[in-house]
N, C-alpha and C. Protein backbone atom coordinates (compact mmCIF):
# COMPACT_ATOMS: atom_id res chain seq x y z
N GLN A 1 -213.50 -44.57 -56.92
CA GLN A 1 -214.06 -45.65 -58.27
C GLN A 1 -213.30 -46.31 -58.96
N VAL A 2 -212.79 -47.24 -59.63
CA VAL A 2 -212.45 -47.90 -60.77
C VAL A 2 -213.22 -47.38 -62.32
N GLN A 3 -212.90 -47.59 -63.05
CA GLN A 3 -213.29 -47.69 -64.70
C GLN A 3 -212.38 -48.28 -65.23
N LEU A 4 -213.10 -48.76 -66.32
CA LEU A 4 -212.93 -49.88 -67.11
C LEU A 4 -213.31 -48.80 -68.59
N VAL A 5 -212.52 -48.50 -69.27
CA VAL A 5 -212.62 -48.10 -70.54
C VAL A 5 -212.10 -48.40 -72.11
N GLU A 6 -213.18 -49.76 -72.57
CA GLU A 6 -213.13 -50.01 -74.03
C GLU A 6 -213.16 -49.07 -74.74
N SER A 7 -212.14 -49.45 -76.03
CA SER A 7 -212.20 -48.87 -77.37
C SER A 7 -211.17 -49.96 -78.34
N GLY A 8 -211.58 -48.86 -79.81
CA GLY A 8 -210.75 -50.19 -80.80
C GLY A 8 -212.37 -50.95 -81.21
N GLY A 9 -213.26 -51.21 -81.20
CA GLY A 9 -214.30 -51.86 -81.79
C GLY A 9 -214.41 -50.64 -83.15
N GLY A 10 -215.18 -51.58 -83.98
CA GLY A 10 -215.88 -51.25 -85.39
C GLY A 10 -216.30 -52.97 -85.91
N LEU A 11 -216.65 -52.25 -87.44
CA LEU A 11 -216.91 -53.16 -88.53
C LEU A 11 -215.35 -53.52 -89.33
N VAL A 12 -215.30 -54.62 -89.48
CA VAL A 12 -214.20 -55.55 -90.21
C VAL A 12 -214.65 -56.39 -90.92
N GLN A 13 -213.90 -56.42 -92.42
CA GLN A 13 -214.37 -57.63 -93.06
C GLN A 13 -214.03 -58.96 -92.91
N PRO A 14 -214.71 -59.95 -93.02
CA PRO A 14 -213.96 -61.49 -92.53
C PRO A 14 -212.03 -61.52 -92.88
N GLY A 15 -211.54 -62.00 -91.66
CA GLY A 15 -210.13 -61.99 -92.23
C GLY A 15 -209.61 -60.78 -91.90
N GLY A 16 -209.77 -60.25 -91.73
CA GLY A 16 -209.48 -58.37 -90.67
C GLY A 16 -208.84 -58.93 -89.64
N SER A 17 -207.92 -57.62 -88.78
CA SER A 17 -207.64 -57.37 -87.65
C SER A 17 -208.29 -56.33 -87.10
N LEU A 18 -208.29 -55.92 -85.98
CA LEU A 18 -208.21 -55.16 -85.11
C LEU A 18 -207.68 -55.39 -83.65
N ARG A 19 -207.77 -54.05 -82.81
CA ARG A 19 -207.19 -54.19 -81.54
C ARG A 19 -207.79 -53.49 -80.61
N LEU A 20 -208.28 -54.18 -79.65
CA LEU A 20 -208.92 -53.85 -78.62
C LEU A 20 -208.13 -53.43 -77.67
N SER A 21 -208.50 -51.62 -76.70
CA SER A 21 -207.53 -51.25 -75.61
C SER A 21 -208.86 -51.01 -74.49
N CYS A 22 -208.38 -50.98 -73.36
CA CYS A 22 -208.80 -51.24 -72.20
C CYS A 22 -208.29 -50.58 -71.22
N VAL A 23 -208.52 -49.39 -70.96
CA VAL A 23 -208.11 -48.45 -69.98
C VAL A 23 -208.55 -48.43 -68.60
N THR A 24 -207.60 -48.80 -67.55
CA THR A 24 -207.82 -48.90 -65.97
C THR A 24 -207.73 -47.81 -65.17
N SER A 25 -208.64 -47.60 -64.79
CA SER A 25 -208.39 -46.01 -63.73
C SER A 25 -207.98 -46.79 -62.25
N GLY A 26 -207.03 -45.56 -61.57
CA GLY A 26 -206.80 -45.83 -60.41
C GLY A 26 -205.46 -46.61 -60.39
N SER A 27 -205.34 -47.33 -58.96
CA SER A 27 -203.68 -47.83 -58.83
C SER A 27 -203.61 -49.50 -58.95
N LEU A 28 -204.85 -50.44 -58.96
CA LEU A 28 -204.66 -51.62 -58.81
C LEU A 28 -204.55 -52.60 -60.01
N PHE A 29 -204.65 -51.94 -60.93
CA PHE A 29 -204.23 -52.39 -62.70
C PHE A 29 -203.10 -53.57 -62.23
N SER A 30 -201.83 -53.56 -61.69
CA SER A 30 -200.73 -54.39 -61.62
C SER A 30 -201.61 -55.53 -60.64
N THR A 31 -202.41 -55.29 -59.55
CA THR A 31 -202.61 -56.32 -58.75
C THR A 31 -203.90 -57.23 -59.41
N VAL A 32 -204.17 -57.24 -60.34
CA VAL A 32 -205.64 -57.69 -61.05
C VAL A 32 -205.27 -58.52 -61.90
N ALA A 33 -205.97 -59.57 -62.45
CA ALA A 33 -205.66 -60.37 -63.44
C ALA A 33 -207.33 -59.45 -64.41
N MET A 34 -206.72 -59.65 -65.77
CA MET A 34 -207.24 -59.10 -66.53
C MET A 34 -208.04 -60.14 -67.46
N SER A 35 -209.22 -59.69 -68.02
CA SER A 35 -210.09 -60.23 -68.98
C SER A 35 -210.52 -59.74 -69.95
N TRP A 36 -210.85 -60.47 -71.20
CA TRP A 36 -211.53 -60.13 -72.41
C TRP A 36 -213.08 -61.26 -72.64
N HIS A 37 -214.10 -60.76 -72.37
CA HIS A 37 -215.69 -61.30 -72.33
C HIS A 37 -215.89 -60.81 -73.96
N ARG A 38 -217.18 -61.44 -74.29
CA ARG A 38 -218.03 -60.90 -75.29
C ARG A 38 -219.76 -61.45 -75.22
N ARG A 39 -220.41 -61.02 -76.00
CA ARG A 39 -221.45 -61.51 -75.77
C ARG A 39 -222.09 -60.90 -77.29
N ALA A 40 -222.27 -62.25 -77.70
CA ALA A 40 -223.28 -62.42 -79.37
C ALA A 40 -224.37 -62.27 -79.45
N PRO A 41 -225.24 -61.83 -80.57
CA PRO A 41 -227.04 -61.76 -80.12
C PRO A 41 -227.34 -63.41 -79.74
N GLY A 42 -228.09 -62.92 -78.84
CA GLY A 42 -229.04 -64.30 -78.92
C GLY A 42 -227.76 -65.24 -77.55
N LYS A 43 -226.50 -65.25 -77.50
CA LYS A 43 -225.77 -65.70 -76.42
C LYS A 43 -225.57 -65.35 -75.04
N GLU A 44 -225.28 -66.13 -74.43
CA GLU A 44 -224.57 -65.69 -73.21
C GLU A 44 -222.45 -65.54 -73.30
N ARG A 45 -222.53 -64.43 -72.18
CA ARG A 45 -221.30 -64.22 -72.20
C ARG A 45 -220.34 -64.98 -72.25
N GLU A 46 -219.05 -64.56 -73.20
CA GLU A 46 -218.57 -65.87 -72.41
C GLU A 46 -216.87 -65.48 -72.71
N LEU A 47 -216.07 -66.09 -72.00
CA LEU A 47 -214.71 -65.46 -71.71
C LEU A 47 -213.89 -65.85 -73.02
N VAL A 48 -213.23 -64.71 -73.53
CA VAL A 48 -212.49 -64.85 -74.45
C VAL A 48 -210.86 -65.05 -74.16
N ALA A 49 -210.15 -64.56 -73.38
CA ALA A 49 -209.10 -64.48 -73.09
C ALA A 49 -208.92 -63.99 -71.62
N GLU A 50 -207.60 -64.33 -71.13
CA GLU A 50 -207.27 -63.86 -69.42
C GLU A 50 -206.08 -63.57 -69.82
N VAL A 51 -205.34 -62.80 -68.78
CA VAL A 51 -204.16 -62.73 -68.53
C VAL A 51 -203.53 -62.65 -67.28
N GLY A 52 -203.00 -62.98 -66.42
CA GLY A 52 -202.42 -62.77 -65.10
C GLY A 52 -202.73 -62.00 -64.62
N SER A 53 -202.25 -61.39 -63.31
CA SER A 53 -201.58 -60.52 -62.98
C SER A 53 -199.98 -60.34 -62.48
N THR A 54 -199.77 -60.94 -62.22
CA THR A 54 -197.76 -61.09 -62.17
C THR A 54 -197.59 -61.82 -62.67
N ASN A 55 -197.98 -63.23 -63.05
CA ASN A 55 -197.28 -64.21 -63.70
C ASN A 55 -197.28 -64.20 -65.26
N GLY A 56 -198.15 -63.17 -65.65
CA GLY A 56 -198.66 -63.11 -66.96
C GLY A 56 -198.93 -64.20 -68.10
N ILE A 57 -199.51 -64.92 -67.03
CA ILE A 57 -199.84 -66.10 -67.72
C ILE A 57 -201.34 -65.72 -68.10
N THR A 58 -201.33 -66.75 -69.63
CA THR A 58 -202.38 -66.23 -70.82
C THR A 58 -203.31 -67.33 -70.88
N THR A 59 -204.75 -67.40 -71.00
CA THR A 59 -205.54 -68.59 -71.41
C THR A 59 -206.54 -68.15 -72.49
N TYR A 60 -207.18 -68.99 -73.27
CA TYR A 60 -207.65 -68.93 -74.15
C TYR A 60 -208.90 -69.69 -74.87
N ALA A 61 -210.06 -68.71 -74.82
CA ALA A 61 -211.15 -69.81 -75.12
C ALA A 61 -210.61 -70.68 -76.86
N ASP A 62 -211.40 -71.83 -76.15
CA ASP A 62 -210.86 -72.44 -78.24
C ASP A 62 -210.99 -71.71 -79.24
N SER A 63 -212.26 -70.96 -79.50
CA SER A 63 -212.90 -70.78 -80.75
C SER A 63 -211.76 -69.55 -80.97
N VAL A 64 -210.87 -69.02 -80.52
CA VAL A 64 -210.08 -68.12 -80.64
C VAL A 64 -208.87 -68.34 -80.67
N LYS A 65 -208.15 -69.94 -80.05
CA LYS A 65 -206.81 -69.48 -79.75
C LYS A 65 -206.45 -69.47 -81.33
N GLY A 66 -204.94 -69.04 -81.63
CA GLY A 66 -204.18 -68.75 -82.45
C GLY A 66 -204.52 -67.96 -83.72
N ARG A 67 -205.67 -66.91 -82.73
CA ARG A 67 -205.87 -66.26 -83.70
C ARG A 67 -206.37 -64.35 -82.98
N PHE A 68 -206.31 -64.74 -81.60
CA PHE A 68 -206.53 -63.34 -80.99
C PHE A 68 -205.38 -63.62 -80.02
N THR A 69 -204.28 -62.57 -79.28
CA THR A 69 -203.65 -62.58 -78.56
C THR A 69 -203.89 -61.12 -77.63
N ILE A 70 -203.87 -61.39 -76.35
CA ILE A 70 -204.07 -60.78 -75.41
C ILE A 70 -202.83 -60.23 -74.26
N SER A 71 -202.48 -58.94 -74.24
CA SER A 71 -201.15 -58.49 -73.46
C SER A 71 -201.47 -57.43 -72.61
N ARG A 72 -200.75 -57.06 -71.66
CA ARG A 72 -200.73 -56.02 -70.81
C ARG A 72 -199.77 -55.23 -70.39
N ASP A 73 -200.59 -53.41 -70.56
CA ASP A 73 -199.10 -52.80 -70.33
C ASP A 73 -199.24 -52.19 -68.98
N ASN A 74 -198.67 -53.02 -67.83
CA ASN A 74 -198.96 -52.42 -66.29
C ASN A 74 -198.77 -50.95 -66.05
N ALA A 75 -197.30 -50.12 -66.83
CA ALA A 75 -197.20 -49.03 -67.18
C ALA A 75 -198.35 -47.97 -67.77
N LYS A 76 -199.41 -48.56 -68.31
CA LYS A 76 -200.33 -47.88 -68.88
C LYS A 76 -201.42 -48.17 -68.81
N ASN A 77 -201.49 -49.13 -67.13
CA ASN A 77 -202.94 -49.82 -66.68
C ASN A 77 -203.79 -50.29 -67.93
N THR A 78 -203.22 -51.11 -68.86
CA THR A 78 -203.94 -51.10 -70.62
C THR A 78 -204.03 -52.40 -70.44
N VAL A 79 -205.00 -53.00 -70.90
CA VAL A 79 -205.05 -54.75 -71.37
C VAL A 79 -205.35 -54.46 -73.03
N TYR A 80 -205.00 -54.99 -73.64
CA TYR A 80 -204.92 -55.15 -75.79
C TYR A 80 -205.75 -56.49 -75.97
N LEU A 81 -206.22 -56.70 -77.03
CA LEU A 81 -206.65 -58.09 -77.47
C LEU A 81 -206.64 -57.41 -78.84
N GLN A 82 -205.75 -58.42 -78.93
CA GLN A 82 -205.53 -58.21 -80.57
C GLN A 82 -206.22 -59.31 -81.66
N MET A 83 -206.68 -59.00 -82.23
CA MET A 83 -207.85 -60.01 -83.19
C MET A 83 -207.17 -59.97 -84.54
N SER A 84 -207.31 -61.08 -85.22
CA SER A 84 -206.46 -61.83 -86.43
C SER A 84 -207.58 -62.30 -87.07
N SER A 85 -207.90 -62.74 -88.40
CA SER A 85 -208.48 -63.85 -88.87
C SER A 85 -209.36 -63.36 -88.34
N LEU A 86 -210.96 -62.37 -88.26
CA LEU A 86 -211.47 -62.37 -87.47
C LEU A 86 -212.71 -63.60 -88.68
N LYS A 87 -214.19 -63.22 -88.01
CA LYS A 87 -214.65 -64.23 -88.92
C LYS A 87 -215.94 -63.71 -87.66
N PRO A 88 -217.19 -64.41 -89.17
CA PRO A 88 -218.34 -63.13 -88.69
C PRO A 88 -218.97 -63.94 -87.62
N GLU A 89 -218.72 -65.56 -87.36
CA GLU A 89 -219.32 -65.95 -85.91
C GLU A 89 -218.10 -64.72 -84.10
N ASP A 90 -217.34 -63.94 -84.81
CA ASP A 90 -216.40 -63.18 -83.98
C ASP A 90 -217.49 -61.79 -83.41
N THR A 91 -218.09 -61.81 -84.30
CA THR A 91 -219.38 -60.29 -83.96
C THR A 91 -220.16 -60.70 -82.38
N ALA A 92 -220.05 -59.40 -81.72
CA ALA A 92 -220.39 -59.19 -80.33
C ALA A 92 -220.08 -58.26 -79.98
N VAL A 93 -220.77 -57.72 -78.69
CA VAL A 93 -220.11 -57.11 -77.97
C VAL A 93 -218.61 -57.20 -76.68
N TYR A 94 -217.44 -56.65 -76.90
CA TYR A 94 -216.78 -57.44 -76.23
C TYR A 94 -215.93 -56.17 -75.01
N TYR A 95 -216.39 -57.09 -73.62
CA TYR A 95 -215.89 -56.10 -72.67
C TYR A 95 -214.90 -56.78 -72.19
N CYS A 96 -214.23 -55.81 -71.32
CA CYS A 96 -212.91 -56.22 -70.26
C CYS A 96 -213.08 -56.14 -68.94
N ARG A 97 -212.41 -57.01 -68.39
CA ARG A 97 -212.40 -57.08 -66.91
C ARG A 97 -211.13 -57.34 -65.89
N ALA A 98 -211.72 -56.84 -64.74
CA ALA A 98 -210.33 -56.46 -64.07
C ALA A 98 -211.19 -57.54 -62.55
N TYR A 99 -210.01 -58.41 -62.29
CA TYR A 99 -210.88 -59.30 -60.76
C TYR A 99 -208.97 -59.75 -60.17
N ARG A 100 -209.74 -59.69 -59.44
CA ARG A 100 -209.01 -60.07 -58.23
C ARG A 100 -209.71 -60.64 -56.54
N VAL A 101 -209.43 -61.86 -56.64
CA VAL A 101 -209.43 -62.58 -55.56
C VAL A 101 -209.61 -62.18 -54.15
N ARG A 102 -208.52 -61.31 -53.30
CA ARG A 102 -208.21 -60.99 -52.18
C ARG A 102 -207.04 -60.22 -52.37
N PRO A 103 -207.93 -58.66 -51.89
CA PRO A 103 -209.29 -58.60 -51.57
C PRO A 103 -209.83 -58.20 -52.59
N LEU A 104 -211.27 -58.95 -52.65
CA LEU A 104 -212.60 -58.92 -53.93
C LEU A 104 -212.25 -57.79 -54.63
N ALA A 105 -212.05 -58.18 -55.72
CA ALA A 105 -212.19 -56.36 -56.59
C ALA A 105 -212.84 -57.47 -58.29
N ASP A 106 -213.79 -56.45 -58.62
CA ASP A 106 -214.64 -57.38 -59.94
C ASP A 106 -215.11 -56.05 -60.51
N TYR A 107 -214.42 -56.10 -61.47
CA TYR A 107 -215.04 -54.32 -62.29
C TYR A 107 -215.11 -54.24 -63.78
N TRP A 108 -216.05 -54.33 -64.50
CA TRP A 108 -216.10 -54.77 -65.73
C TRP A 108 -216.06 -53.07 -66.65
N GLY A 109 -215.55 -53.40 -68.23
CA GLY A 109 -216.17 -52.16 -69.00
C GLY A 109 -217.76 -51.85 -69.62
N GLN A 110 -217.83 -50.98 -70.26
CA GLN A 110 -219.41 -50.73 -70.96
C GLN A 110 -219.36 -51.58 -71.81
N GLY A 111 -218.05 -51.83 -72.64
CA GLY A 111 -218.69 -52.79 -73.82
C GLY A 111 -217.97 -51.47 -75.00
N THR A 112 -217.32 -52.84 -75.82
CA THR A 112 -217.32 -52.16 -77.43
C THR A 112 -217.81 -52.92 -78.08
N GLN A 113 -218.69 -52.59 -79.55
CA GLN A 113 -219.03 -53.57 -80.49
C GLN A 113 -217.69 -53.73 -81.53
N VAL A 114 -217.75 -55.51 -81.90
CA VAL A 114 -217.06 -55.92 -83.07
C VAL A 114 -218.03 -56.23 -83.94
N THR A 115 -218.00 -55.79 -85.15
CA THR A 115 -218.98 -56.70 -85.99
C THR A 115 -218.11 -56.71 -87.11
N VAL A 116 -218.49 -58.30 -87.46
CA VAL A 116 -217.30 -59.00 -88.69
C VAL A 116 -218.54 -59.16 -89.87
N SER A 117 -218.61 -58.39 -90.89
CA SER A 117 -219.19 -58.79 -92.10
C SER A 117 -218.45 -58.20 -93.67
N SER A 118 -218.96 -58.57 -94.43
CA SER A 118 -218.20 -58.14 -95.29
C SER A 118 -219.73 -57.39 -96.11
């Protein structure tokens, strides 16, 4: 059973920074793309950032470009989301996801709350 466990969420003031971590159990980490998603109150879940499994290519939502950085450490089975210049509209539950097309793999973490407020 693959498990994803996020950590690092919390309350931060506007303009502040947080780093989220997501540790993945099992041996598939190096073979899956990893991504961070978020769901704000009253909104649909959206993709925030993604990093490829082998090529390390990253993509970002327009709303976080230049402020957030996704990275992965295959030796630690961990993906990170460094968030800077946080805004109140970044308030959401943040989820990490492990995904692979073939063979199919699709796993989600339980989420971690990020609240940006003064």
